[in-house]
Amino acid sequence: QVRLVESGGGLVQPGGSLRLSCVGSGFTFMAYDMNWYRQAPGKERELVANITSDFLPNYADSVKGRFTVSRDNQQSTAYLQMNNLKPEDTAVYYCQVFFRIRSQALWGQGTQVTVSS
């Protein structure tokens, strides 16, 4: 079964940290770029960070210097380390992979991150 499963969300105070995980199965994980999106209430889903199959990271300006994306191909897992969290980081976070040959995106179920004092 082809799927992505996220974990690691929760409630954290401003300035705190969380690490999200995304485990992929049913496809050749190492061959694909892995993307992290988030969607806050009333807002569109936005790309936060991604890591290419060659381990090159990219970040949205809003999270540069605070978030770090990584991957472990042996564990078929992508990570999003989030430091110095701000209330505006509150959102549901999703990992995603895009299968170009099928022109199809696969999404995880999402994990809620809430930053509040």
Protein backbone atom coordinates (compact mmCIF):
# COMPACT_ATOMS: atom_id res chain seq x y z
CA GLN A 1 0.00 0.00 0.00
CA VAL A 2 1.39 3.37 -1.03
CA ARG A 3 1.12 5.82 1.81
CA LEU A 4 2.71 8.51 3.98
CA VAL A 5 2.22 8.68 7.74
CA GLU A 6 3.15 11.78 9.72
CA SER A 7 3.73 12.02 13.45
CA GLY A 8 5.25 14.36 16.00
CA GLY A 9 2.80 17.22 16.17
CA GLY A 10 1.49 18.70 19.40
CA LEU A 11 1.09 21.76 21.57
CA VAL A 12 4.21 23.80 22.27
CA GLN A 13 4.93 27.20 23.75
CA PRO A 14 6.40 30.00 21.63
CA GLY A 15 10.12 29.49 21.28
CA GLY A 16 9.77 25.74 21.65
CA SER A 17 10.69 22.93 19.29
CA LEU A 18 9.05 19.95 17.65
CA ARG A 19 10.26 17.32 15.23
CA LEU A 20 7.85 15.92 12.68
CA SER A 21 8.38 12.56 11.01
CA CYS A 22 6.95 11.20 7.78
CA VAL A 23 7.28 7.52 6.97
CA GLY A 24 6.75 6.45 3.37
CA SER A 25 5.83 2.98 2.22
CA GLY A 26 4.89 1.23 -1.01
CA PHE A 27 7.23 3.24 -3.23
CA THR A 28 10.96 3.74 -3.74
CA PHE A 29 11.40 6.43 -1.11
CA MET A 30 14.98 7.34 -2.01
CA ALA A 31 14.05 8.22 -5.58
CA TYR A 32 11.70 11.08 -4.72
CA ASP A 33 11.81 14.59 -3.38
CA MET A 34 9.90 14.89 -0.13
CA ASN A 35 7.82 17.96 0.58
CA TRP A 36 6.39 19.46 3.75
CA TYR A 37 3.28 21.65 3.52
CA ARG A 38 1.15 23.32 6.14
CA GLN A 39 -2.36 24.70 6.24
CA ALA A 40 -3.54 27.16 8.85
CA PRO A 41 -7.26 27.76 9.50
CA GLY A 42 -8.75 29.92 6.77
CA LYS A 43 -5.57 29.90 4.71
CA GLU A 44 -4.35 28.03 1.66
CA ARG A 45 -1.94 25.15 1.97
CA GLU A 46 1.63 26.36 1.56
CA LEU A 47 4.95 24.67 0.89
CA VAL A 48 7.18 24.99 3.94
CA ALA A 49 10.24 22.96 2.99
CA ASN A 50 11.40 20.16 0.79
CA ILE A 51 14.39 17.92 0.41
CA THR A 52 15.40 16.51 -2.92
CA SER A 53 16.38 12.94 -3.63
CA ASP A 54 19.94 14.31 -3.66
CA PHE A 55 19.49 15.66 -0.12
CA LEU A 56 19.27 19.33 -1.15
CA PRO A 57 17.00 21.30 1.18
CA ASN A 58 14.79 24.25 0.30
CA TYR A 59 12.77 26.47 2.64
CA ALA A 60 10.05 29.06 2.56
CA ASP A 61 11.30 32.46 3.67
CA SER A 62 9.01 32.35 6.69
CA VAL A 63 10.84 29.35 8.20
CA LYS A 64 14.44 29.84 7.04
CA GLY A 65 16.87 29.64 9.93
CA ARG A 66 14.29 27.97 12.19
CA PHE A 67 13.27 24.77 10.40
CA THR A 68 15.52 21.98 9.14
CA VAL A 69 14.40 19.30 6.72
CA SER A 70 16.21 15.98 6.49
CA ARG A 71 15.72 12.41 5.38
CA ASP A 72 16.82 8.89 6.21
CA ASN A 73 16.41 6.71 3.16
CA GLN A 74 17.17 3.51 5.04
CA GLN A 75 14.21 4.24 7.30
CA SER A 76 12.10 5.70 4.45
CA THR A 77 11.53 8.69 6.68
CA ALA A 78 11.60 12.43 6.20
CA TYR A 79 11.91 14.83 9.12
CA LEU A 80 11.06 18.42 9.80
CA GLN A 81 12.86 19.86 12.82
CA MET A 82 11.11 23.04 13.92
CA ASN A 83 12.85 25.37 16.35
CA ASN A 84 11.94 28.77 17.77
CA LEU A 85 8.30 28.13 16.97
CA LYS A 86 5.94 31.08 16.67
CA PRO A 87 2.15 31.29 17.02
CA GLU A 88 1.95 31.87 13.26
CA ASP A 89 3.44 28.40 12.73
CA THR A 90 0.20 26.91 14.06
CA ALA A 91 -1.22 24.69 11.31
CA VAL A 92 -1.80 21.15 10.17
CA TYR A 93 1.46 19.91 8.66
CA TYR A 94 1.45 17.45 5.77
CA CYS A 95 4.17 15.58 4.00
CA GLN A 96 3.78 14.96 0.30
CA VAL A 97 5.45 13.18 -2.58
CA PHE A 98 4.75 13.84 -6.24
CA PHE A 99 4.89 10.95 -8.70
CA ARG A 100 5.74 12.68 -11.98
CA ILE A 101 5.13 9.67 -14.21
CA ARG A 102 1.57 9.40 -12.95
CA SER A 103 1.23 13.15 -12.42
CA GLN A 104 -0.13 12.31 -8.99
CA ALA A 105 0.51 13.66 -5.52
CA LEU A 106 0.39 11.48 -2.43
CA TRP A 107 -0.41 13.18 0.89
CA GLY A 108 -0.13 12.06 4.45
CA GLN A 109 -3.00 12.43 6.89
CA GLY A 110 -1.51 15.52 8.51
CA THR A 111 -0.38 16.31 12.04
CA GLN A 112 -1.54 19.30 14.08
CA VAL A 113 1.04 21.76 15.40
CA THR A 114 -0.23 24.37 17.85
CA VAL A 115 2.06 27.10 19.18
CA SER A 116 0.49 28.88 22.11
CA SER A 117 1.27 30.05 25.60
